[in-house]
Structure formats: C-alpha cells, structure tokens
Amino acid sequence: MRSLKMRSRPEDPVYRYVVKKESEGKSKKSAKIAGLNKFLRIYYARVTELYKNI
C-alpha cells in the first residue's frame, strides 16, 4: 500500500479508493487496510477467472 500511495497513479482504482476513504475522514491506516482488501478482491477475481477458462 505504501508503494501504491507513493506512485500516485490516479487511474488506478485501488489508489482512487484509498484517497476516497481518506477524504471521507477515515484514518490513513484504516484507509490503507480498506484499499488492501479491495486489491485482494480484485486479484482473487482475476485469478479465479483465469482458472475457470482452463
């Protein structure tokens, strides 16, 4: 999450999600954990999509 935040790519959906949560008033740590959960959900969905096609 630190590297994601340092690179600051506004087109990245996880980055936008973390920034949105911080602007809603969540603490930085809480927003990063929420972003990590979102990243893991996206990653899991993409991996399972690959294995369904095999």
C-alpha atoms as a PDB file:
ATOM      1  CA  MET A   1       0.000   0.000   0.000  1.00  0.00           C
ATOM      2  CA  ARG A   2       2.878   2.356   0.694  1.00  0.00           C
ATOM      3  CA  SER A   3       4.280   1.902  -2.815  1.00  0.00           C
ATOM      4  CA  LEU A   4       0.819   2.355  -4.303  1.00  0.00           C
ATOM      5  CA  LYS A   5       0.421   5.606  -2.429  1.00  0.00           C
ATOM      6  CA  MET A   6       3.917   6.832  -3.328  1.00  0.00           C
ATOM      7  CA  ARG A   7       3.484   6.258  -7.061  1.00  0.00           C
ATOM      8  CA  SER A   8       0.131   8.086  -7.080  1.00  0.00           C
ATOM      9  CA  ARG A   9      -1.434   6.861 -10.289  1.00  0.00           C
ATOM     10  CA  PRO A  10      -4.893   8.463 -10.363  1.00  0.00           C
ATOM     11  CA  GLU A  11      -6.170   5.993 -12.973  1.00  0.00           C
ATOM     12  CA  ASP A  12      -5.612   3.059 -10.600  1.00  0.00           C
ATOM     13  CA  PRO A  13      -8.933   2.051  -8.977  1.00  0.00           C
ATOM     14  CA  VAL A  14      -7.308   0.964  -5.700  1.00  0.00           C
ATOM     15  CA  TYR A  15      -5.451   4.278  -5.398  1.00  0.00           C
ATOM     16  CA  ARG A  16      -8.672   6.206  -6.016  1.00  0.00           C
ATOM     17  CA  TYR A  17     -10.445   4.071  -3.407  1.00  0.00           C
ATOM     18  CA  VAL A  18      -7.791   4.778  -0.751  1.00  0.00           C
ATOM     19  CA  VAL A  19      -7.882   8.514  -1.468  1.00  0.00           C
ATOM     20  CA  LYS A  20     -11.686   8.481  -1.334  1.00  0.00           C
ATOM     21  CA  LYS A  21     -11.679   6.735   2.046  1.00  0.00           C
ATOM     22  CA  GLU A  22      -9.129   9.227   3.415  1.00  0.00           C
ATOM     23  CA  SER A  23     -11.257  12.130   2.196  1.00  0.00           C
ATOM     24  CA  GLU A  24     -14.290  10.587   3.951  1.00  0.00           C
ATOM     25  CA  GLY A  25     -12.454  11.001   7.234  1.00  0.00           C
ATOM     26  CA  LYS A  26     -11.029   7.534   7.829  1.00  0.00           C
ATOM     27  CA  SER A  27      -7.576   7.344   9.358  1.00  0.00           C
ATOM     28  CA  LYS A  28      -4.714   6.671   6.963  1.00  0.00           C
ATOM     29  CA  LYS A  29      -4.141   3.198   8.384  1.00  0.00           C
ATOM     30  CA  SER A  30      -7.817   2.281   8.089  1.00  0.00           C
ATOM     31  CA  ALA A  31      -7.984   3.608   4.513  1.00  0.00           C
ATOM     32  CA  LYS A  32      -4.905   1.600   3.534  1.00  0.00           C
ATOM     33  CA  ILE A  33      -6.375  -1.587   5.006  1.00  0.00           C
ATOM     34  CA  ALA A  34      -9.611  -0.969   3.100  1.00  0.00           C
ATOM     35  CA  GLY A  35      -7.558  -0.446  -0.071  1.00  0.00           C
ATOM     36  CA  LEU A  36      -5.644  -3.658   0.574  1.00  0.00           C
ATOM     37  CA  ASN A  37      -8.918  -5.568   0.922  1.00  0.00           C
ATOM     38  CA  LYS A  38     -10.149  -4.099  -2.354  1.00  0.00           C
ATOM     39  CA  PHE A  39      -6.881  -5.051  -4.067  1.00  0.00           C
ATOM     40  CA  LEU A  40      -7.153  -8.617  -2.800  1.00  0.00           C
ATOM     41  CA  ARG A  41     -10.757  -8.928  -4.008  1.00  0.00           C
ATOM     42  CA  ILE A  42      -9.757  -7.705  -7.490  1.00  0.00           C
ATOM     43  CA  TYR A  43      -6.720 -10.009  -7.582  1.00  0.00           C
ATOM     44  CA  TYR A  44      -8.742 -13.035  -6.458  1.00  0.00           C
ATOM     45  CA  ALA A  45     -11.429 -12.372  -9.064  1.00  0.00           C
ATOM     46  CA  ARG A  46      -8.872 -12.139 -11.874  1.00  0.00           C
ATOM     47  CA  VAL A  47      -7.051 -15.305 -10.816  1.00  0.00           C
ATOM     48  CA  THR A  48     -10.235 -17.354 -10.494  1.00  0.00           C
ATOM     49  CA  GLU A  49     -11.380 -16.053 -13.878  1.00  0.00           C
ATOM     50  CA  LEU A  50      -8.218 -17.460 -15.447  1.00  0.00           C
ATOM     51  CA  TYR A  51      -8.715 -20.884 -13.885  1.00  0.00           C
ATOM     52  CA  LYS A  52     -12.383 -21.119 -14.848  1.00  0.00           C
ATOM     53  CA  ASN A  53     -11.408 -20.965 -18.512  1.00  0.00           C
ATOM     54  CA  ILE A  54      -8.987 -23.918 -18.268  1.00  0.00           C
END
